[in-house]
C-alpha atoms as a PDB file:
ATOM      1  CA  MET A   1      74.241  44.164 222.733  1.00  0.00           C
ATOM      2  CA  THR A   2      72.928  40.672 222.188  1.00  0.00           C
ATOM      3  CA  ASP A   3      70.501  39.659 219.451  1.00  0.00           C
ATOM      4  CA  LYS A   4      68.129  38.498 222.182  1.00  0.00           C
ATOM      5  CA  LYS A   5      67.829  42.087 223.473  1.00  0.00           C
ATOM      6  CA  LYS A   6      67.110  43.400 219.971  1.00  0.00           C
ATOM      7  CA  ALA A   7      64.537  40.726 219.147  1.00  0.00           C
ATOM      8  CA  ASN A   8      62.595  40.671 222.410  1.00  0.00           C
ATOM      9  CA  PRO A   9      59.637  43.104 222.311  1.00  0.00           C
ATOM     10  CA  LYS A  10      59.351  42.975 226.118  1.00  0.00           C
ATOM     11  CA  ALA A  11      63.050  43.720 226.639  1.00  0.00           C
ATOM     12  CA  SER A  12      62.565  47.461 226.632  1.00  0.00           C
ATOM     13  CA  GLN A  13      59.286  47.664 228.553  1.00  0.00           C
ATOM     14  CA  ASN A  14      61.073  49.276 231.495  1.00  0.00           C
ATOM     15  CA  ASP A  15      62.840  51.837 229.310  1.00  0.00           C
ATOM     16  CA  ALA A  16      61.897  55.480 229.592  1.00  0.00           C
ATOM     17  CA  ASP A  17      58.673  55.365 227.586  1.00  0.00           C
ATOM     18  CA  ASN A  18      58.039  59.078 227.683  1.00  0.00           C
ATOM     19  CA  SER A  19      59.767  61.523 225.399  1.00  0.00           C
ATOM     20  CA  SER A  20      58.413  64.367 227.540  1.00  0.00           C
ATOM     21  CA  SER A  21      57.865  64.746 231.261  1.00  0.00           C
ATOM     22  CA  ASP A  22      54.282  65.900 230.503  1.00  0.00           C
ATOM     23  CA  ALA A  23      53.409  62.671 228.639  1.00  0.00           C
ATOM     24  CA  GLU A  24      51.943  59.682 230.422  1.00  0.00           C
ATOM     25  CA  HIS A  25      52.177  56.224 228.841  1.00  0.00           C
ATOM     26  CA  LEU A  26      48.817  54.494 228.958  1.00  0.00           C
ATOM     27  CA  VAL A  27      48.885  51.452 226.661  1.00  0.00           C
ATOM     28  CA  ARG A  28      51.300  49.992 224.093  1.00  0.00           C
ATOM     29  CA  PHE A  29      49.386  48.281 221.290  1.00  0.00           C
ATOM     30  CA  LEU A  30      52.258  47.346 219.004  1.00  0.00           C
ATOM     31  CA  ASP A  31      55.971  46.756 219.446  1.00  0.00           C
ATOM     32  CA  ALA A  32      57.248  45.407 216.121  1.00  0.00           C
ATOM     33  CA  VAL A  33      60.814  44.859 214.950  1.00  0.00           C
ATOM     34  CA  LYS A  34      61.555  47.165 212.027  1.00  0.00           C
ATOM     35  CA  ASN A  35      65.223  46.188 211.701  1.00  0.00           C
ATOM     36  CA  ALA A  36      68.186  45.296 213.945  1.00  0.00           C
ATOM     37  CA  SER A  37      68.307  48.745 215.540  1.00  0.00           C
ATOM     38  CA  GLU A  38      64.731  50.048 215.285  1.00  0.00           C
ATOM     39  CA  ARG A  39      61.243  49.149 216.455  1.00  0.00           C
ATOM     40  CA  LEU A  40      57.839  50.503 215.453  1.00  0.00           C
ATOM     41  CA  ARG A  41      55.614  51.211 218.429  1.00  0.00           C
ATOM     42  CA  VAL A  42      51.975  52.263 218.647  1.00  0.00           C
ATOM     43  CA  ASP A  43      51.053  53.777 222.005  1.00  0.00           C
ATOM     44  CA  VAL A  44      48.083  55.593 223.462  1.00  0.00           C
ATOM     45  CA  LYS A  45      49.252  58.458 225.675  1.00  0.00           C
ATOM     46  CA  THR A  46      47.903  61.491 227.414  1.00  0.00           C
ATOM     47  CA  TYR A  47      49.572  64.860 227.081  1.00  0.00           C
ATOM     48  CA  ARG A  48      48.368  67.880 229.018  1.00  0.00           C
ATOM     49  CA  GLY A  49      45.064  66.157 229.705  1.00  0.00           C
ATOM     50  CA  SER A  50      44.329  65.045 226.108  1.00  0.00           C
ATOM     51  CA  THR A  51      44.590  61.501 224.743  1.00  0.00           C
ATOM     52  CA  TYR A  52      46.658  60.768 221.620  1.00  0.00           C
ATOM     53  CA  ILE A  53      47.785  57.844 219.480  1.00  0.00           C
ATOM     54  CA  ASP A  54      51.565  57.890 218.986  1.00  0.00           C
ATOM     55  CA  ILE A  55      53.002  55.889 216.069  1.00  0.00           C
ATOM     56  CA  ARG A  56      56.759  56.168 216.292  1.00  0.00           C
ATOM     57  CA  VAL A  57      60.069  54.552 215.373  1.00  0.00           C
ATOM     58  CA  TRP A  58      62.206  53.839 218.425  1.00  0.00           C
ATOM     59  CA  TYR A  59      65.971  53.338 218.063  1.00  0.00           C
ATOM     60  CA  VAL A  60      68.463  51.428 220.170  1.00  0.00           C
ATOM     61  CA  THR A  61      71.136  53.481 221.921  1.00  0.00           C
ATOM     62  CA  ASP A  62      74.755  52.449 222.468  1.00  0.00           C
ATOM     63  CA  ASP A  63      73.842  51.180 225.950  1.00  0.00           C
ATOM     64  CA  GLY A  64      71.059  48.931 224.556  1.00  0.00           C
ATOM     65  CA  ASP A  65      68.056  51.020 225.617  1.00  0.00           C
ATOM     66  CA  TYR A  66      65.334  52.071 223.200  1.00  0.00           C
ATOM     67  CA  ARG A  67      64.466  55.752 222.799  1.00  0.00           C
ATOM     68  CA  PRO A  68      61.788  57.456 220.704  1.00  0.00           C
ATOM     69  CA  SER A  69      62.963  59.075 217.485  1.00  0.00           C
ATOM     70  CA  SER A  70      61.524  62.061 215.676  1.00  0.00           C
ATOM     71  CA  LYS A  71      60.274  59.645 212.987  1.00  0.00           C
ATOM     72  CA  GLY A  72      56.619  59.297 213.776  1.00  0.00           C
ATOM     73  CA  VAL A  73      53.288  60.944 214.201  1.00  0.00           C
ATOM     74  CA  THR A  74      51.041  61.773 217.133  1.00  0.00           C
ATOM     75  CA  LEU A  75      47.378  62.153 216.320  1.00  0.00           C
ATOM     76  CA  LYS A  76      43.988  62.486 217.928  1.00  0.00           C
ATOM     77  CA  PRO A  77      42.080  59.195 218.217  1.00  0.00           C
ATOM     78  CA  THR A  78      39.293  60.635 216.055  1.00  0.00           C
ATOM     79  CA  MET A  79      41.714  60.533 213.095  1.00  0.00           C
ATOM     80  CA  ALA A  80      42.363  56.775 213.447  1.00  0.00           C
ATOM     81  CA  PRO A  81      39.536  55.564 211.154  1.00  0.00           C
ATOM     82  CA  GLU A  82      40.660  57.878 208.338  1.00  0.00           C
ATOM     83  CA  LEU A  83      44.295  56.824 208.794  1.00  0.00           C
ATOM     84  CA  LEU A  84      43.315  53.135 208.720  1.00  0.00           C
ATOM     85  CA  ARG A  85      41.351  53.679 205.481  1.00  0.00           C
ATOM     86  CA  GLY A  86      44.414  55.326 203.950  1.00  0.00           C
ATOM     87  CA  ILE A  87      46.677  52.474 205.009  1.00  0.00           C
ATOM     88  CA  ALA A  88      44.219  49.911 203.614  1.00  0.00           C
ATOM     89  CA  LEU A  89      44.044  51.752 200.276  1.00  0.00           C
ATOM     90  CA  ALA A  90      47.841  51.993 200.104  1.00  0.00           C
ATOM     91  CA  ALA A  91      48.199  48.284 200.911  1.00  0.00           C
ATOM     92  CA  ARG A  92      45.810  47.354 198.083  1.00  0.00           C
ATOM     93  CA  SER A  93      47.518  49.653 195.571  1.00  0.00           C
ATOM     94  CA  PHE A  94      50.426  47.331 194.790  1.00  0.00           C
ATOM     95  CA  ASP A  95      51.153  43.684 194.160  1.00  0.00           C
ATOM     96  CA  PRO A  96      52.685  42.336 197.417  1.00  0.00           C
ATOM     97  CA  ARG A  97      54.891  39.947 195.389  1.00  0.00           C
ATOM     98  CA  GLU A  98      56.645  43.000 193.914  1.00  0.00           C
ATOM     99  CA  ALA A  99      56.995  44.931 197.205  1.00  0.00           C
ATOM    100  CA  ASN A 100      60.447  43.600 198.116  1.00  0.00           C
END
């Protein structure tokens, strides 16, 4: 696989975005490079008629496609404000110069 494939967030847009046949991809809000073989994606999906936010690590397969891993969380949109507050508190809890 080329580095261009790994670095291009649009490269896997046509991959199988659903980890289940019951899930329907609605919108991808984030597709960030985590490392050479993983991406962090934030999607809004419906599953059995309910809407969810899916925050998940996707990994690259041997054939260069990205697939969802079990590393992630799916939550109801009503939990998003509380999750964001927790992330903000965690981000402020350390000195970013020492985070490496």
